[in-house]
């Protein structure tokens, strides 16, 4: 399975601690393809179907379900946690994620 940046993948996030998003859920691959190809880990942002108006959340539609990419909970996972590829973000969703990441993490 070739994992690419901005793919939506089903990931088993357990075990977690505290306020971390848990259970098996869709996540967006954020790490660049060069890293995804050679490393055993990938950087992801979990997705949620609950809608909160936080500036670090990006609204997306996947399988006709409206949800959010949770860019305030970015984490690195081993590829073994990935169950399968579900799809990919649209170009518009990708651009919105890039803007939020830059505004949030880059000064």
PDB file of N, CA and C in Angstrom:
ATOM      1  N   UNK A   1       0.855  -1.175   0.000  1.00  0.00           N
ATOM      2  CA  UNK A   1       0.000   0.000   0.000  1.00  0.00           C
ATOM      3  C   UNK A   1       0.897   1.233   0.000  1.00  0.00           C
ATOM      4  N   UNK A   2       0.739   2.077  -1.012  1.00  0.00           N
ATOM      5  CA  UNK A   2       1.527   3.310  -1.101  1.00  0.00           C
ATOM      6  C   UNK A   2       0.758   4.447  -0.434  1.00  0.00           C
ATOM      7  N   UNK A   3       1.328   4.966   0.626  1.00  0.00           N
ATOM      8  CA  UNK A   3       0.699   6.042   1.394  1.00  0.00           C
ATOM      9  C   UNK A   3       1.248   7.365   0.906  1.00  0.00           C
ATOM     10  N   UNK A   4       0.334   8.258   0.521  1.00  0.00           N
ATOM     11  CA  UNK A   4       0.740   9.546  -0.039  1.00  0.00           C
ATOM     12  C   UNK A   4       0.184  10.695   0.798  1.00  0.00           C
ATOM     13  N   UNK A   5       0.877  11.823   0.729  1.00  0.00           N
ATOM     14  CA  UNK A   5       0.445  13.026   1.436  1.00  0.00           C
ATOM     15  C   UNK A   5      -0.979  13.378   1.027  1.00  0.00           C
ATOM     16  N   UNK A   6      -1.781  13.715   2.020  1.00  0.00           N
ATOM     17  CA  UNK A   6      -3.191  14.107   1.899  1.00  0.00           C
ATOM     18  C   UNK A   6      -4.141  12.960   1.594  1.00  0.00           C
ATOM     19  N   UNK A   7      -3.634  11.712   1.657  1.00  0.00           N
ATOM     20  CA  UNK A   7      -4.543  10.578   1.661  1.00  0.00           C
ATOM     21  C   UNK A   7      -5.334  10.598   2.968  1.00  0.00           C
ATOM     22  N   UNK A   8      -6.556  10.115   2.902  1.00  0.00           N
ATOM     23  CA  UNK A   8      -7.342   9.853   4.110  1.00  0.00           C
ATOM     24  C   UNK A   8      -7.212   8.363   4.373  1.00  0.00           C
ATOM     25  N   UNK A   9      -6.739   8.011   5.561  1.00  0.00           N
ATOM     26  CA  UNK A   9      -6.509   6.612   5.907  1.00  0.00           C
ATOM     27  C   UNK A   9      -7.247   6.279   7.197  1.00  0.00           C
ATOM     28  N   UNK A  10      -7.651   5.019   7.325  1.00  0.00           N
ATOM     29  CA  UNK A  10      -8.272   4.542   8.549  1.00  0.00           C
ATOM     30  C   UNK A  10      -7.157   4.081   9.478  1.00  0.00           C
ATOM     31  N   UNK A  11      -7.127   4.645  10.705  1.00  0.00           N
ATOM     32  CA  UNK A  11      -6.017   4.410  11.627  1.00  0.00           C
ATOM     33  C   UNK A  11      -6.544   3.986  12.994  1.00  0.00           C
ATOM     34  N   UNK A  12      -5.880   3.003  13.589  1.00  0.00           N
ATOM     35  CA  UNK A  12      -6.166   2.619  14.969  1.00  0.00           C
ATOM     36  C   UNK A  12      -5.286   3.486  15.873  1.00  0.00           C
ATOM     37  N   UNK A  13      -5.883   4.466  16.539  1.00  0.00           N
ATOM     38  CA  UNK A  13      -5.123   5.414  17.363  1.00  0.00           C
ATOM     39  C   UNK A  13      -4.934   4.955  18.809  1.00  0.00           C
ATOM     40  N   UNK A  14      -5.562   3.861  19.197  1.00  0.00           N
ATOM     41  CA  UNK A  14      -5.430   3.390  20.578  1.00  0.00           C
ATOM     42  C   UNK A  14      -4.127   2.626  20.755  1.00  0.00           C
ATOM     43  N   UNK A  15      -3.486   2.672  21.914  1.00  0.00           N
ATOM     44  CA  UNK A  15      -3.919   3.375  23.122  1.00  0.00           C
ATOM     45  C   UNK A  15      -3.558   4.860  23.077  1.00  0.00           C
ATOM     46  N   UNK A  16      -4.362   5.639  23.742  1.00  0.00           N
ATOM     47  CA  UNK A  16      -4.113   7.073  23.874  1.00  0.00           C
ATOM     48  C   UNK A  16      -4.144   7.432  25.347  1.00  0.00           C
ATOM     49  N   UNK A  17      -3.815   8.678  25.640  1.00  0.00           N
ATOM     50  CA  UNK A  17      -3.865   9.158  27.016  1.00  0.00           C
ATOM     51  C   UNK A  17      -4.536  10.516  27.039  1.00  0.00           C
ATOM     52  N   UNK A  18      -5.191  10.806  28.158  1.00  0.00           N
ATOM     53  CA  UNK A  18      -5.757  12.126  28.386  1.00  0.00           C
ATOM     54  C   UNK A  18      -6.714  12.574  27.305  1.00  0.00           C
ATOM     55  N   UNK A  19      -6.460  13.758  26.759  1.00  0.00           N
ATOM     56  CA  UNK A  19      -7.359  14.393  25.785  1.00  0.00           C
ATOM     57  C   UNK A  19      -7.050  14.042  24.340  1.00  0.00           C
ATOM     58  N   UNK A  20      -6.139  13.086  24.097  1.00  0.00           N
ATOM     59  CA  UNK A  20      -5.821  12.697  22.732  1.00  0.00           C
ATOM     60  C   UNK A  20      -7.037  12.039  22.084  1.00  0.00           C
ATOM     61  N   UNK A  21      -7.214  12.285  20.797  1.00  0.00           N
ATOM     62  CA  UNK A  21      -8.303  11.637  20.056  1.00  0.00           C
ATOM     63  C   UNK A  21      -7.997  10.148  19.964  1.00  0.00           C
ATOM     64  N   UNK A  22      -9.020   9.329  20.269  1.00  0.00           N
ATOM     65  CA  UNK A  22      -8.786   7.891  20.339  1.00  0.00           C
ATOM     66  C   UNK A  22      -9.626   7.119  19.337  1.00  0.00           C
ATOM     67  N   UNK A  23      -9.604   5.847  19.437  1.00  0.00           N
ATOM     68  CA  UNK A  23     -10.294   4.800  18.680  1.00  0.00           C
ATOM     69  C   UNK A  23      -9.839   4.740  17.224  1.00  0.00           C
ATOM     70  N   UNK A  24     -10.478   3.911  16.443  1.00  0.00           N
ATOM     71  CA  UNK A  24     -10.146   3.767  15.026  1.00  0.00           C
ATOM     72  C   UNK A  24     -10.950   4.796  14.252  1.00  0.00           C
ATOM     73  N   UNK A  25     -10.243   5.635  13.490  1.00  0.00           N
ATOM     74  CA  UNK A  25     -10.921   6.727  12.790  1.00  0.00           C
ATOM     75  C   UNK A  25     -10.116   7.155  11.575  1.00  0.00           C
ATOM     76  N   UNK A  26     -10.761   7.890  10.669  1.00  0.00           N
ATOM     77  CA  UNK A  26     -10.018   8.432   9.527  1.00  0.00           C
ATOM     78  C   UNK A  26      -9.021   9.499   9.987  1.00  0.00           C
ATOM     79  N   UNK A  27      -7.894   9.536   9.286  1.00  0.00           N
ATOM     80  CA  UNK A  27      -6.858  10.537   9.547  1.00  0.00           C
ATOM     81  C   UNK A  27      -6.293  10.972   8.200  1.00  0.00           C
ATOM     82  N   UNK A  28      -5.727  12.180   8.181  1.00  0.00           N
ATOM     83  CA  UNK A  28      -5.112  12.705   6.967  1.00  0.00           C
ATOM     84  C   UNK A  28      -3.599  12.608   7.113  1.00  0.00           C
ATOM     85  N   UNK A  29      -2.948  12.081   6.082  1.00  0.00           N
ATOM     86  CA  UNK A  29      -1.484  12.018   6.057  1.00  0.00           C
ATOM     87  C   UNK A  29      -0.957  13.411   5.746  1.00  0.00           C
ATOM     88  N   UNK A  30      -0.114  13.955   6.626  1.00  0.00           N
ATOM     89  CA  UNK A  30       0.472  15.277   6.422  1.00  0.00           C
ATOM     90  C   UNK A  30       1.936  15.213   5.987  1.00  0.00           C
ATOM     91  N   UNK A  31       2.616  14.132   6.328  1.00  0.00           N
ATOM     92  CA  UNK A  31       4.040  14.042   5.988  1.00  0.00           C
ATOM     93  C   UNK A  31       4.224  13.957   4.472  1.00  0.00           C
ATOM     94  N   UNK A  32       5.323  14.547   3.971  1.00  0.00           N
ATOM     95  CA  UNK A  32       5.568  14.551   2.528  1.00  0.00           C
ATOM     96  C   UNK A  32       5.885  13.152   1.991  1.00  0.00           C
ATOM     97  N   UNK A  33       5.656  12.973   0.704  1.00  0.00           N
ATOM     98  CA  UNK A  33       5.822  11.658   0.078  1.00  0.00           C
ATOM     99  C   UNK A  33       7.223  11.085   0.238  1.00  0.00           C
ATOM    100  N   UNK A  34       8.255  11.935   0.210  1.00  0.00           N
ATOM    101  CA  UNK A  34       9.635  11.451   0.406  1.00  0.00           C
ATOM    102  C   UNK A  34       9.772  10.743   1.758  1.00  0.00           C
ATOM    103  N   UNK A  35       9.204  11.332   2.798  1.00  0.00           N
ATOM    104  CA  UNK A  35       9.253  10.705   4.121  1.00  0.00           C
ATOM    105  C   UNK A  35       8.392   9.442   4.144  1.00  0.00           C
ATOM    106  N   UNK A  36       7.208   9.530   3.551  1.00  0.00           N
ATOM    107  CA  UNK A  36       6.295   8.387   3.569  1.00  0.00           C
ATOM    108  C   UNK A  36       6.888   7.172   2.875  1.00  0.00           C
ATOM    109  N   UNK A  37       7.707   7.417   1.866  1.00  0.00           N
ATOM    110  CA  UNK A  37       8.305   6.324   1.097  1.00  0.00           C
ATOM    111  C   UNK A  37       9.400   5.599   1.882  1.00  0.00           C
ATOM    112  N   UNK A  38      10.190   6.345   2.671  1.00  0.00           N
ATOM    113  CA  UNK A  38      11.390   5.759   3.258  1.00  0.00           C
ATOM    114  C   UNK A  38      11.324   5.504   4.762  1.00  0.00           C
ATOM    115  N   UNK A  39      10.418   6.167   5.456  1.00  0.00           N
ATOM    116  CA  UNK A  39      10.338   5.974   6.903  1.00  0.00           C
ATOM    117  C   UNK A  39       9.221   5.013   7.263  1.00  0.00           C
ATOM    118  N   UNK A  40       9.329   4.404   8.441  1.00  0.00           N
ATOM    119  CA  UNK A  40       8.278   3.506   8.920  1.00  0.00           C
ATOM    120  C   UNK A  40       7.183   4.258   9.663  1.00  0.00           C
ATOM    121  N   UNK A  41       7.349   5.567   9.776  1.00  0.00           N
ATOM    122  CA  UNK A  41       6.357   6.397  10.444  1.00  0.00           C
ATOM    123  C   UNK A  41       5.803   7.441   9.477  1.00  0.00           C
ATOM    124  N   UNK A  42       4.614   7.943   9.794  1.00  0.00           N
ATOM    125  CA  UNK A  42       3.995   9.026   9.034  1.00  0.00           C
ATOM    126  C   UNK A  42       3.413  10.026  10.015  1.00  0.00           C
ATOM    127  N   UNK A  43       3.278  11.262   9.562  1.00  0.00           N
ATOM    128  CA  UNK A  43       2.669  12.315  10.366  1.00  0.00           C
ATOM    129  C   UNK A  43       1.214  12.442   9.923  1.00  0.00           C
ATOM    130  N   UNK A  44       0.301  12.412  10.900  1.00  0.00           N
ATOM    131  CA  UNK A  44      -1.127  12.436  10.578  1.00  0.00           C
ATOM    132  C   UNK A  44      -1.850  13.500  11.405  1.00  0.00           C
ATOM    133  N   UNK A  45      -3.027  13.848  10.923  1.00  0.00           N
ATOM    134  CA  UNK A  45      -3.972  14.650  11.704  1.00  0.00           C
ATOM    135  C   UNK A  45      -5.274  13.850  11.733  1.00  0.00           C
ATOM    136  N   UNK A  46      -5.812  13.573  12.907  1.00  0.00           N
ATOM    137  CA  UNK A  46      -7.061  12.816  12.973  1.00  0.00           C
ATOM    138  C   UNK A  46      -8.232  13.633  12.439  1.00  0.00           C
ATOM    139  N   UNK A  47      -9.288  12.919  12.085  1.00  0.00           N
ATOM    140  CA  UNK A  47     -10.519  13.561  11.630  1.00  0.00           C
ATOM    141  C   UNK A  47     -11.624  13.255  12.639  1.00  0.00           C
ATOM    142  N   UNK A  48     -12.586  14.147  12.708  1.00  0.00           N
ATOM    143  CA  UNK A  48     -13.726  13.949  13.600  1.00  0.00           C
ATOM    144  C   UNK A  48     -15.002  14.351  12.891  1.00  0.00           C
ATOM    145  N   UNK A  49     -16.098  13.730  13.288  1.00  0.00           N
ATOM    146  CA  UNK A  49     -17.388  14.102  12.697  1.00  0.00           C
ATOM    147  C   UNK A  49     -18.088  15.178  13.519  1.00  0.00           C
ATOM    148  N   UNK A  50     -17.530  15.484  14.693  1.00  0.00           N
ATOM    149  CA  UNK A  50     -18.110  16.588  15.472  1.00  0.00           C
ATOM    150  C   UNK A  50     -17.550  17.896  14.952  1.00  0.00           C
ATOM    151  N   UNK A  51     -18.389  18.904  14.897  1.00  0.00           N
ATOM    152  CA  UNK A  51     -17.968  20.195  14.356  1.00  0.00           C
ATOM    153  C   UNK A  51     -17.828  21.217  15.464  1.00  0.00           C
ATOM    154  N   UNK A  52     -16.609  21.693  15.628  1.00  0.00           N
ATOM    155  CA  UNK A  52     -16.316  22.761  16.586  1.00  0.00           C
ATOM    156  C   UNK A  52     -15.723  23.911  15.791  1.00  0.00           C
ATOM    157  N   UNK A  53     -16.044  25.111  16.182  1.00  0.00           N
ATOM    158  CA  UNK A  53     -15.540  26.260  15.418  1.00  0.00           C
ATOM    159  C   UNK A  53     -14.195  26.731  15.980  1.00  0.00           C
ATOM    160  N   UNK A  54     -13.209  25.828  15.980  1.00  0.00           N
ATOM    161  CA  UNK A  54     -11.852  26.161  16.383  1.00  0.00           C
ATOM    162  C   UNK A  54     -11.075  26.576  15.135  1.00  0.00           C
ATOM    163  N   UNK A  55     -10.159  27.519  15.264  1.00  0.00           N
ATOM    164  CA  UNK A  55      -9.387  27.950  14.091  1.00  0.00           C
ATOM    165  C   UNK A  55      -8.431  26.881  13.573  1.00  0.00           C
ATOM    166  N   UNK A  56      -8.187  25.836  14.365  1.00  0.00           N
ATOM    167  CA  UNK A  56      -7.271  24.762  13.969  1.00  0.00           C
ATOM    168  C   UNK A  56      -7.993  23.561  13.363  1.00  0.00           C
ATOM    169  N   UNK A  57      -9.265  23.731  13.027  1.00  0.00           N
ATOM    170  CA  UNK A  57     -10.055  22.655  12.428  1.00  0.00           C
ATOM    171  C   UNK A  57     -10.416  23.042  10.997  1.00  0.00           C
ATOM    172  N   UNK A  58     -10.299  22.090  10.083  1.00  0.00           N
ATOM    173  CA  UNK A  58     -10.617  22.320   8.675  1.00  0.00           C
ATOM    174  C   UNK A  58     -11.797  21.430   8.296  1.00  0.00           C
ATOM    175  N   UNK A  59     -12.854  22.046   7.826  1.00  0.00           N
ATOM    176  CA  UNK A  59     -14.055  21.311   7.433  1.00  0.00           C
ATOM    177  C   UNK A  59     -13.800  20.581   6.120  1.00  0.00           C
ATOM    178  N   UNK A  60     -14.147  19.281   6.098  1.00  0.00           N
ATOM    179  CA  UNK A  60     -14.000  18.458   4.903  1.00  0.00           C
ATOM    180  C   UNK A  60     -15.241  17.587   4.738  1.00  0.00           C
ATOM    181  N   UNK A  61     -15.407  17.062   3.543  1.00  0.00           N
ATOM    182  CA  UNK A  61     -16.469  16.093   3.277  1.00  0.00           C
ATOM    183  C   UNK A  61     -15.819  14.837   2.728  1.00  0.00           C
ATOM    184  N   UNK A  62     -16.101  13.717   3.384  1.00  0.00           N
ATOM    185  CA  UNK A  62     -15.555  12.427   2.944  1.00  0.00           C
ATOM    186  C   UNK A  62     -16.677  11.400   3.008  1.00  0.00           C
ATOM    187  N   UNK A  63     -16.895  10.687   1.921  1.00  0.00           N
ATOM    188  CA  UNK A  63     -18.002   9.719   1.835  1.00  0.00           C
ATOM    189  C   UNK A  63     -19.330  10.354   2.217  1.00  0.00           C
ATOM    190  N   UNK A  64     -19.540  11.575   1.742  1.00  0.00           N
ATOM    191  CA  UNK A  64     -20.764  12.335   1.988  1.00  0.00           C
ATOM    192  C   UNK A  64     -21.005  12.651   3.465  1.00  0.00           C
ATOM    193  N   UNK A  65     -19.949  12.544   4.282  1.00  0.00           N
ATOM    194  CA  UNK A  65     -20.030  12.894   5.706  1.00  0.00           C
ATOM    195  C   UNK A  65     -19.210  14.154   5.924  1.00  0.00           C
ATOM    196  N   UNK A  66     -19.817  15.142   6.563  1.00  0.00           N
ATOM    197  CA  UNK A  66     -19.106  16.377   6.889  1.00  0.00           C
ATOM    198  C   UNK A  66     -18.374  16.175   8.210  1.00  0.00           C
ATOM    199  N   UNK A  67     -17.123  16.578   8.228  1.00  0.00           N
ATOM    200  CA  UNK A  67     -16.317  16.460   9.433  1.00  0.00           C
ATOM    201  C   UNK A  67     -15.225  17.498   9.422  1.00  0.00           C
ATOM    202  N   UNK A  68     -14.229  17.271  10.280  1.00  0.00           N
ATOM    203  CA  UNK A  68     -13.122  18.212  10.379  1.00  0.00           C
ATOM    204  C   UNK A  68     -11.802  17.465  10.507  1.00  0.00           C
ATOM    205  N   UNK A  69     -10.758  18.049   9.900  1.00  0.00           N
ATOM    206  CA  UNK A  69      -9.389  17.613  10.137  1.00  0.00           C
ATOM    207  C   UNK A  69      -8.926  18.372  11.372  1.00  0.00           C
ATOM    208  N   UNK A  70      -8.444  17.648  12.371  1.00  0.00           N
ATOM    209  CA  UNK A  70      -8.094  18.237  13.664  1.00  0.00           C
ATOM    210  C   UNK A  70      -6.597  18.556  13.673  1.00  0.00           C
ATOM    211  N   UNK A  71      -6.259  19.750  13.198  1.00  0.00           N
ATOM    212  CA  UNK A  71      -4.851  20.127  13.058  1.00  0.00           C
ATOM    213  C   UNK A  71      -4.205  20.530  14.377  1.00  0.00           C
ATOM    214  N   UNK A  72      -4.974  20.562  15.454  1.00  0.00           N
ATOM    215  CA  UNK A  72      -4.384  20.794  16.775  1.00  0.00           C
ATOM    216  C   UNK A  72      -3.999  19.477  17.454  1.00  0.00           C
ATOM    217  N   UNK A  73      -4.164  18.345  16.766  1.00  0.00           N
ATOM    218  CA  UNK A  73      -3.783  17.042  17.331  1.00  0.00           C
ATOM    219  C   UNK A  73      -2.897  16.254  16.375  1.00  0.00           C
ATOM    220  N   UNK A  74      -2.008  16.950  15.673  1.00  0.00           N
ATOM    221  CA  UNK A  74      -1.059  16.298  14.768  1.00  0.00           C
ATOM    222  C   UNK A  74      -0.158  15.369  15.575  1.00  0.00           C
ATOM    223  N   UNK A  75       0.082  14.169  15.028  1.00  0.00           N
ATOM    224  CA  UNK A  75       0.990  13.229  15.700  1.00  0.00           C
ATOM    225  C   UNK A  75       1.668  12.321  14.695  1.00  0.00           C
ATOM    226  N   UNK A  76       2.713  11.668  15.141  1.00  0.00           N
ATOM    227  CA  UNK A  76       3.444  10.710  14.328  1.00  0.00           C
ATOM    228  C   UNK A  76       3.028   9.311  14.747  1.00  0.00           C
ATOM    229  N   UNK A  77       2.755   8.464  13.758  1.00  0.00           N
ATOM    230  CA  UNK A  77       2.364   7.082  14.051  1.00  0.00           C
ATOM    231  C   UNK A  77       3.201   6.122  13.208  1.00  0.00           C
ATOM    232  N   UNK A  78       3.298   4.897  13.653  1.00  0.00           N
ATOM    233  CA  UNK A  78       3.893   3.841  12.850  1.00  0.00           C
ATOM    234  C   UNK A  78       2.896   3.438  11.768  1.00  0.00           C
ATOM    235  N   UNK A  79       3.387   3.106  10.594  1.00  0.00           N
ATOM    236  CA  UNK A  79       2.508   2.697   9.498  1.00  0.00           C
ATOM    237  C   UNK A  79       1.690   1.456   9.837  1.00  0.00           C
ATOM    238  N   UNK A  80       2.147   0.667  10.825  1.00  0.00           N
ATOM    239  CA  UNK A  80       1.398  -0.523  11.229  1.00  0.00           C
ATOM    240  C   UNK A  80       0.010  -0.178  11.765  1.00  0.00           C
ATOM    241  N   UNK A  81      -0.193   1.055  12.208  1.00  0.00           N
ATOM    242  CA  UNK A  81      -1.499   1.475  12.719  1.00  0.00           C
ATOM    243  C   UNK A  81      -2.516   1.720  11.591  1.00  0.00           C
ATOM    244  N   UNK A  82      -2.035   1.866  10.359  1.00  0.00           N
ATOM    245  CA  UNK A  82      -2.923   2.154   9.229  1.00  0.00           C
ATOM    246  C   UNK A  82      -3.607   0.874   8.769  1.00  0.00           C
ATOM    247  N   UNK A  83      -4.929   0.920   8.720  1.00  0.00           N
ATOM    248  CA  UNK A  83      -5.722  -0.240   8.320  1.00  0.00           C
ATOM    249  C   UNK A  83      -5.932  -0.252   6.808  1.00  0.00           C
ATOM    250  N   UNK A  84      -6.334   0.902   6.246  1.00  0.00           N
ATOM    251  CA  UNK A  84      -6.528   0.986   4.798  1.00  0.00           C
ATOM    252  C   UNK A  84      -6.643   2.449   4.361  1.00  0.00           C
ATOM    253  N   UNK A  85      -6.487   2.664   3.062  1.00  0.00           N
ATOM    254  CA  UNK A  85      -6.664   3.992   2.468  1.00  0.00           C
ATOM    255  C   UNK A  85      -8.140   4.160   2.139  1.00  0.00           C
ATOM    256  N   UNK A  86      -8.693   5.313   2.519  1.00  0.00           N
ATOM    257  CA  UNK A  86     -10.111   5.587   2.292  1.00  0.00           C
ATOM    258  C   UNK A  86     -10.369   6.557   1.152  1.00  0.00           C
ATOM    259  N   UNK A  87      -9.387   7.382   0.822  1.00  0.00           N
ATOM    260  CA  UNK A  87      -9.585   8.399  -0.206  1.00  0.00           C
ATOM    261  C   UNK A  87      -8.520   9.463  -0.084  1.00  0.00           C
ATOM    262  N   UNK A  88      -8.883  10.692  -0.445  1.00  0.00           N
ATOM    263  CA  UNK A  88      -7.932  11.808  -0.385  1.00  0.00           C
ATOM    264  C   UNK A  88      -8.703  13.113  -0.247  1.00  0.00           C
ATOM    265  N   UNK A  89      -8.022  14.124   0.272  1.00  0.00           N
ATOM    266  CA  UNK A  89      -8.611  15.459   0.347  1.00  0.00           C
ATOM    267  C   UNK A  89      -8.714  16.055  -1.046  1.00  0.00           C
ATOM    268  N   UNK A  90      -9.638  16.985  -1.222  1.00  0.00           N
ATOM    269  CA  UNK A  90      -9.725  17.729  -2.478  1.00  0.00           C
ATOM    270  C   UNK A  90      -8.636  18.805  -2.480  1.00  0.00           C
ATOM    271  N   UNK A  91      -8.368  19.379  -3.635  1.00  0.00           N
ATOM    272  CA  UNK A  91      -7.371  20.459  -3.722  1.00  0.00           C
ATOM    273  C   UNK A  91      -7.740  21.628  -2.821  1.00  0.00           C
ATOM    274  N   UNK A  92      -9.004  21.983  -2.783  1.00  0.00           N
ATOM    275  CA  UNK A  92      -9.450  23.084  -1.929  1.00  0.00           C
ATOM    276  C   UNK A  92      -9.219  22.757  -0.451  1.00  0.00           C
ATOM    277  N   UNK A  93      -9.512  21.531  -0.039  1.00  0.00           N
ATOM    278  CA  UNK A  93      -9.285  21.118   1.355  1.00  0.00           C
ATOM    279  C   UNK A  93      -7.795  21.112   1.693  1.00  0.00           C
ATOM    280  N   UNK A  94      -6.963  20.683   0.736  1.00  0.00           N
ATOM    281  CA  UNK A  94      -5.511  20.682   0.933  1.00  0.00           C
ATOM    282  C   UNK A  94      -5.019  22.107   1.158  1.00  0.00           C
ATOM    283  N   UNK A  95      -5.441  23.032   0.315  1.00  0.00           N
ATOM    284  CA  UNK A  95      -5.005  24.429   0.446  1.00  0.00           C
ATOM    285  C   UNK A  95      -5.436  25.018   1.784  1.00  0.00           C
ATOM    286  N   UNK A  96      -6.643  24.691   2.220  1.00  0.00           N
ATOM    287  CA  UNK A  96      -7.129  25.188   3.511  1.00  0.00           C
ATOM    288  C   UNK A  96      -6.277  24.616   4.645  1.00  0.00           C
ATOM    289  N   UNK A  97      -5.956  23.317   4.592  1.00  0.00           N
ATOM    290  CA  UNK A  97      -5.088  22.707   5.618  1.00  0.00           C
ATOM    291  C   UNK A  97      -3.723  23.386   5.646  1.00  0.00           C
ATOM    292  N   UNK A  98      -3.145  23.636   4.485  1.00  0.00           N
ATOM    293  CA  UNK A  98      -1.831  24.296   4.426  1.00  0.00           C
ATOM    294  C   UNK A  98      -1.872  25.674   5.074  1.00  0.00           C
ATOM    295  N   UNK A  99      -2.935  26.434   4.803  1.00  0.00           N
ATOM    296  CA  UNK A  99      -3.062  27.780   5.403  1.00  0.00           C
ATOM    297  C   UNK A  99      -3.159  27.690   6.926  1.00  0.00           C
ATOM    298  N   UNK A 100      -3.961  26.772   7.420  1.00  0.00           N
ATOM    299  CA  UNK A 100      -4.130  26.637   8.873  1.00  0.00           C
ATOM    300  C   UNK A 100      -2.840  26.167   9.521  1.00  0.00           C
ATOM    301  N   UNK A 101      -2.148  25.228   8.899  1.00  0.00           N
ATOM    302  CA  UNK A 101      -0.863  24.754   9.449  1.00  0.00           C
ATOM    303  C   UNK A 101       0.131  25.908   9.509  1.00  0.00           C
ATOM    304  N   UNK A 102       0.219  26.670   8.440  1.00  0.00           N
ATOM    305  CA  UNK A 102       1.156  27.803   8.421  1.00  0.00           C
ATOM    306  C   UNK A 102       0.797  28.845   9.475  1.00  0.00           C
ATOM    307  N   UNK A 103      -0.475  29.206   9.573  1.00  0.00           N
ATOM    308  CA  UNK A 103      -0.900  30.198  10.544  1.00  0.00           C
ATOM    309  C   UNK A 103      -0.698  29.728  11.978  1.00  0.00           C
ATOM    310  N   UNK A 104      -0.848  28.426  12.193  1.00  0.00           N
ATOM    311  CA  UNK A 104      -0.772  27.890  13.554  1.00  0.00           C
ATOM    312  C   UNK A 104       0.667  27.587  13.995  1.00  0.00           C
ATOM    313  N   UNK A 105       1.475  27.029  13.109  1.00  0.00           N
ATOM    314  CA  UNK A 105       2.775  26.503  13.520  1.00  0.00           C
ATOM    315  C   UNK A 105       3.990  27.264  12.993  1.00  0.00           C
ATOM    316  N   UNK A 106       3.820  28.142  12.032  1.00  0.00           N
ATOM    317  CA  UNK A 106       4.958  28.860  11.453  1.00  0.00           C
ATOM    318  C   UNK A 106       4.842  30.331  11.794  1.00  0.00           C
ATOM    319  N   UNK A 107       5.894  30.897  12.398  1.00  0.00           N
ATOM    320  CA  UNK A 107       5.815  32.324  12.740  1.00  0.00           C
ATOM    321  C   UNK A 107       6.340  33.202  11.647  1.00  0.00           C
TER     322      UNK A 107
END
